[in-house]
Amino acid sequence: MSLHEAFLYEKKKEGKVKCCLCARRCLISNGSVGFCLVRKNEGGTLYTLNYGKAVSVGVDPIGKMAWKGLFKCVNDACAFWALLYDAH
């Protein structure tokens, strides 16, 4: 598994990190994961465990989409979602 350094965290004393991705503000010890189970502290650096992974894929009728008039020849649209996505 390839680890990718997370955004939105603060380094604290004794190798701990404070995750700032959500309102929980987890204080994560070295070698532990946060409440969400997708962020891990390794040596005082917070890594995201789900970076680049789709966790949900669904096909919705094009009529649900706000841009349905743009693509009259398409009947379905594919939507990809990532849990607690780290935006760049």
N, C-alpha and C. Protein backbone atom coordinates (compact mmCIF):
# COMPACT_ATOMS: atom_id res chain seq x y z
N MET A 1 0.85 -1.18 0.00
CA MET A 1 0.00 0.00 0.00
C MET A 1 0.89 1.24 0.00
N SER A 2 0.59 2.17 -0.87
CA SER A 2 1.33 3.41 -0.99
C SER A 2 0.66 4.49 -0.13
N LEU A 3 1.44 5.10 0.74
CA LEU A 3 0.89 6.16 1.59
C LEU A 3 1.12 7.51 0.93
N HIS A 4 0.15 8.39 1.09
CA HIS A 4 0.23 9.74 0.54
C HIS A 4 0.03 10.72 1.70
N GLU A 5 0.94 11.67 1.85
CA GLU A 5 0.83 12.61 2.97
C GLU A 5 -0.47 13.40 2.87
N ALA A 6 -1.15 13.49 3.99
CA ALA A 6 -2.44 14.16 4.06
C ALA A 6 -2.27 15.68 4.16
N PHE A 7 -3.34 16.36 3.84
CA PHE A 7 -3.42 17.80 4.05
C PHE A 7 -4.23 18.05 5.32
N LEU A 8 -4.26 19.26 5.79
CA LEU A 8 -5.10 19.68 6.91
C LEU A 8 -4.79 18.93 8.20
N TYR A 9 -3.55 19.04 8.67
CA TYR A 9 -3.19 18.50 9.97
C TYR A 9 -2.09 19.34 10.59
N GLU A 10 -1.94 19.22 11.90
CA GLU A 10 -0.91 19.95 12.64
C GLU A 10 -0.04 18.97 13.39
N LYS A 11 1.26 19.19 13.38
CA LYS A 11 2.18 18.36 14.14
C LYS A 11 2.17 18.83 15.59
N LYS A 12 2.14 17.88 16.51
CA LYS A 12 2.14 18.16 17.95
C LYS A 12 3.35 17.50 18.59
N LYS A 13 3.48 17.66 19.90
CA LYS A 13 4.60 17.09 20.65
C LYS A 13 4.49 15.57 20.71
N GLU A 14 5.63 14.94 20.97
CA GLU A 14 5.73 13.49 21.18
C GLU A 14 5.26 12.68 19.97
N GLY A 15 5.43 13.22 18.76
CA GLY A 15 5.08 12.48 17.55
C GLY A 15 3.60 12.41 17.24
N LYS A 16 2.77 13.11 18.00
CA LYS A 16 1.33 13.11 17.74
C LYS A 16 0.99 14.13 16.67
N VAL A 17 -0.16 13.95 16.02
CA VAL A 17 -0.66 14.91 15.05
C VAL A 17 -2.13 15.18 15.33
N LYS A 18 -2.56 16.37 14.98
CA LYS A 18 -3.96 16.75 15.13
C LYS A 18 -4.55 16.85 13.73
N CYS A 19 -5.51 16.00 13.42
CA CYS A 19 -6.17 16.01 12.12
C CYS A 19 -7.21 17.12 12.11
N CYS A 20 -7.21 17.92 11.06
CA CYS A 20 -8.13 19.05 10.94
C CYS A 20 -9.10 18.89 9.77
N LEU A 21 -9.30 17.65 9.30
CA LEU A 21 -10.16 17.42 8.15
C LEU A 21 -11.64 17.60 8.49
N CYS A 22 -12.04 17.17 9.68
CA CYS A 22 -13.45 17.31 10.07
C CYS A 22 -13.53 17.97 11.45
N ALA A 23 -14.73 18.10 11.96
CA ALA A 23 -14.95 18.78 13.24
C ALA A 23 -14.48 17.96 14.45
N ARG A 24 -14.20 16.68 14.29
CA ARG A 24 -13.75 15.85 15.42
C ARG A 24 -12.38 16.27 15.93
N ARG A 25 -11.51 16.74 15.03
CA ARG A 25 -10.15 17.18 15.38
C ARG A 25 -9.40 16.12 16.17
N CYS A 26 -9.29 14.92 15.61
CA CYS A 26 -8.63 13.79 16.27
C CYS A 26 -7.18 14.10 16.60
N LEU A 27 -6.75 13.74 17.79
CA LEU A 27 -5.34 13.78 18.17
C LEU A 27 -4.84 12.35 18.03
N ILE A 28 -3.98 12.10 17.05
CA ILE A 28 -3.60 10.75 16.66
C ILE A 28 -2.16 10.47 17.07
N SER A 29 -1.97 9.43 17.87
CA SER A 29 -0.63 9.01 18.31
C SER A 29 0.09 8.30 17.17
N ASN A 30 1.41 8.19 17.30
CA ASN A 30 2.22 7.51 16.30
C ASN A 30 1.76 6.06 16.14
N GLY A 31 1.55 5.64 14.89
CA GLY A 31 1.13 4.28 14.61
C GLY A 31 -0.37 4.05 14.69
N SER A 32 -1.13 5.06 15.03
CA SER A 32 -2.58 4.93 15.17
C SER A 32 -3.31 5.59 14.02
N VAL A 33 -4.61 5.28 13.91
CA VAL A 33 -5.47 5.90 12.91
C VAL A 33 -6.51 6.76 13.61
N GLY A 34 -7.10 7.68 12.86
CA GLY A 34 -8.14 8.54 13.40
C GLY A 34 -9.49 7.84 13.48
N PHE A 35 -10.48 8.54 13.97
CA PHE A 35 -11.83 7.99 14.13
C PHE A 35 -12.39 7.49 12.80
N CYS A 36 -12.08 8.18 11.71
CA CYS A 36 -12.60 7.83 10.39
C CYS A 36 -11.93 6.59 9.78
N LEU A 37 -10.81 6.18 10.33
CA LEU A 37 -10.04 5.02 9.87
C LEU A 37 -9.40 5.21 8.50
N VAL A 38 -9.33 6.43 7.99
CA VAL A 38 -8.69 6.67 6.70
C VAL A 38 -7.46 7.58 6.80
N ARG A 39 -7.07 7.94 8.01
CA ARG A 39 -5.86 8.74 8.21
C ARG A 39 -5.01 8.10 9.28
N LYS A 40 -3.70 7.98 9.00
CA LYS A 40 -2.80 7.29 9.91
C LYS A 40 -1.56 8.13 10.19
N ASN A 41 -1.13 8.13 11.44
CA ASN A 41 0.08 8.82 11.85
C ASN A 41 1.25 7.85 11.78
N GLU A 42 2.22 8.18 10.97
CA GLU A 42 3.45 7.38 10.86
C GLU A 42 4.63 8.30 11.11
N GLY A 43 5.22 8.18 12.28
CA GLY A 43 6.42 8.97 12.60
C GLY A 43 6.18 10.46 12.68
N GLY A 44 5.01 10.88 13.11
CA GLY A 44 4.70 12.30 13.23
C GLY A 44 4.21 12.95 11.95
N THR A 45 3.97 12.16 10.92
CA THR A 45 3.41 12.65 9.66
C THR A 45 2.08 11.95 9.42
N LEU A 46 1.07 12.71 9.07
CA LEU A 46 -0.25 12.14 8.84
C LEU A 46 -0.39 11.73 7.38
N TYR A 47 -0.82 10.49 7.16
CA TYR A 47 -1.00 9.95 5.81
C TYR A 47 -2.46 9.58 5.60
N THR A 48 -2.92 9.73 4.36
CA THR A 48 -4.27 9.31 4.01
C THR A 48 -4.20 7.90 3.43
N LEU A 49 -5.09 7.03 3.88
CA LEU A 49 -5.07 5.63 3.46
C LEU A 49 -5.98 5.37 2.27
N ASN A 50 -6.81 6.34 1.91
CA ASN A 50 -7.75 6.14 0.80
C ASN A 50 -7.47 7.05 -0.39
N TYR A 51 -6.27 7.61 -0.46
CA TYR A 51 -5.95 8.54 -1.53
C TYR A 51 -6.04 7.87 -2.89
N GLY A 52 -6.81 8.44 -3.79
CA GLY A 52 -6.93 7.93 -5.14
C GLY A 52 -7.81 6.71 -5.30
N LYS A 53 -8.57 6.34 -4.27
CA LYS A 53 -9.43 5.16 -4.34
C LYS A 53 -10.89 5.59 -4.36
N ALA A 54 -11.64 5.08 -5.31
CA ALA A 54 -13.08 5.31 -5.34
C ALA A 54 -13.73 4.35 -4.36
N VAL A 55 -14.62 4.84 -3.51
CA VAL A 55 -15.28 3.97 -2.55
C VAL A 55 -16.75 3.76 -2.89
N SER A 56 -17.23 4.47 -3.89
CA SER A 56 -18.61 4.30 -4.31
C SER A 56 -18.72 4.66 -5.79
N VAL A 57 -19.38 3.81 -6.53
CA VAL A 57 -19.64 4.08 -7.94
C VAL A 57 -21.10 3.79 -8.18
N GLY A 58 -21.80 4.71 -8.82
CA GLY A 58 -23.21 4.51 -9.08
C GLY A 58 -23.61 5.06 -10.43
N VAL A 59 -24.62 4.46 -11.01
CA VAL A 59 -25.15 4.94 -12.28
C VAL A 59 -26.52 5.54 -12.00
N ASP A 60 -26.68 6.81 -12.32
CA ASP A 60 -27.93 7.53 -12.08
C ASP A 60 -28.57 7.91 -13.41
N PRO A 61 -29.89 7.98 -13.43
CA PRO A 61 -30.55 8.47 -14.65
C PRO A 61 -30.10 9.89 -14.95
N ILE A 62 -29.88 10.21 -16.19
CA ILE A 62 -29.39 11.52 -16.57
C ILE A 62 -30.39 12.62 -16.19
N GLY A 63 -31.64 12.27 -16.03
CA GLY A 63 -32.67 13.24 -15.65
C GLY A 63 -32.45 13.85 -14.28
N LYS A 64 -31.69 13.18 -13.41
CA LYS A 64 -31.40 13.71 -12.08
C LYS A 64 -30.33 14.79 -12.12
N MET A 65 -29.54 14.78 -13.17
CA MET A 65 -28.40 15.69 -13.24
C MET A 65 -28.84 17.09 -13.65
N ALA A 66 -28.17 18.09 -13.10
CA ALA A 66 -28.51 19.48 -13.39
C ALA A 66 -28.21 19.83 -14.85
N TRP A 67 -27.29 19.10 -15.48
CA TRP A 67 -26.87 19.41 -16.85
C TRP A 67 -27.50 18.45 -17.86
N LYS A 68 -28.69 17.92 -17.56
CA LYS A 68 -29.30 16.90 -18.42
C LYS A 68 -29.57 17.39 -19.84
N GLY A 69 -29.82 18.68 -20.03
CA GLY A 69 -30.10 19.21 -21.36
C GLY A 69 -28.90 19.24 -22.28
N LEU A 70 -27.70 19.16 -21.72
CA LEU A 70 -26.48 19.25 -22.52
C LEU A 70 -26.17 17.95 -23.26
N PHE A 71 -26.59 16.83 -22.70
CA PHE A 71 -26.25 15.53 -23.26
C PHE A 71 -27.52 14.72 -23.54
N LYS A 72 -28.24 15.08 -24.57
CA LYS A 72 -29.50 14.42 -24.88
C LYS A 72 -29.34 12.98 -25.36
N CYS A 73 -28.16 12.62 -25.85
CA CYS A 73 -27.94 11.28 -26.37
C CYS A 73 -27.52 10.29 -25.28
N VAL A 74 -27.29 10.75 -24.06
CA VAL A 74 -26.84 9.89 -22.97
C VAL A 74 -28.00 9.62 -22.02
N ASN A 75 -28.20 8.36 -21.67
CA ASN A 75 -29.29 8.00 -20.78
C ASN A 75 -28.87 7.90 -19.32
N ASP A 76 -27.63 7.54 -19.07
CA ASP A 76 -27.14 7.36 -17.71
C ASP A 76 -25.84 8.13 -17.52
N ALA A 77 -25.57 8.48 -16.29
CA ALA A 77 -24.32 9.14 -15.94
C ALA A 77 -23.67 8.34 -14.82
N CYS A 78 -22.37 8.26 -14.86
CA CYS A 78 -21.64 7.51 -13.85
C CYS A 78 -21.05 8.50 -12.84
N ALA A 79 -21.26 8.24 -11.56
CA ALA A 79 -20.78 9.14 -10.52
C ALA A 79 -19.75 8.40 -9.65
N PHE A 80 -18.64 9.04 -9.35
CA PHE A 80 -17.61 8.47 -8.49
C PHE A 80 -17.51 9.32 -7.24
N TRP A 81 -17.37 8.69 -6.09
CA TRP A 81 -17.26 9.40 -4.82
C TRP A 81 -16.09 8.81 -4.04
N ALA A 82 -15.40 9.65 -3.31
CA ALA A 82 -14.34 9.18 -2.42
C ALA A 82 -14.65 9.64 -1.01
N LEU A 83 -14.55 8.75 -0.07
CA LEU A 83 -14.83 9.04 1.31
C LEU A 83 -13.79 10.01 1.86
N LEU A 84 -14.25 11.13 2.38
CA LEU A 84 -13.37 12.14 2.97
C LEU A 84 -12.21 12.50 2.04
N TYR A 85 -12.56 12.91 0.85
CA TYR A 85 -11.64 13.22 -0.22
C TYR A 85 -10.68 14.34 0.18
N ASP A 86 -9.39 14.15 -0.07
CA ASP A 86 -8.38 15.18 0.15
C ASP A 86 -8.22 15.98 -1.13
N ALA A 87 -8.77 17.17 -1.18
CA ALA A 87 -8.67 18.01 -2.38
C ALA A 87 -7.31 18.73 -2.40
N HIS A 88 -6.80 18.93 -3.59
CA HIS A 88 -5.54 19.66 -3.75
C HIS A 88 -5.86 21.11 -3.98
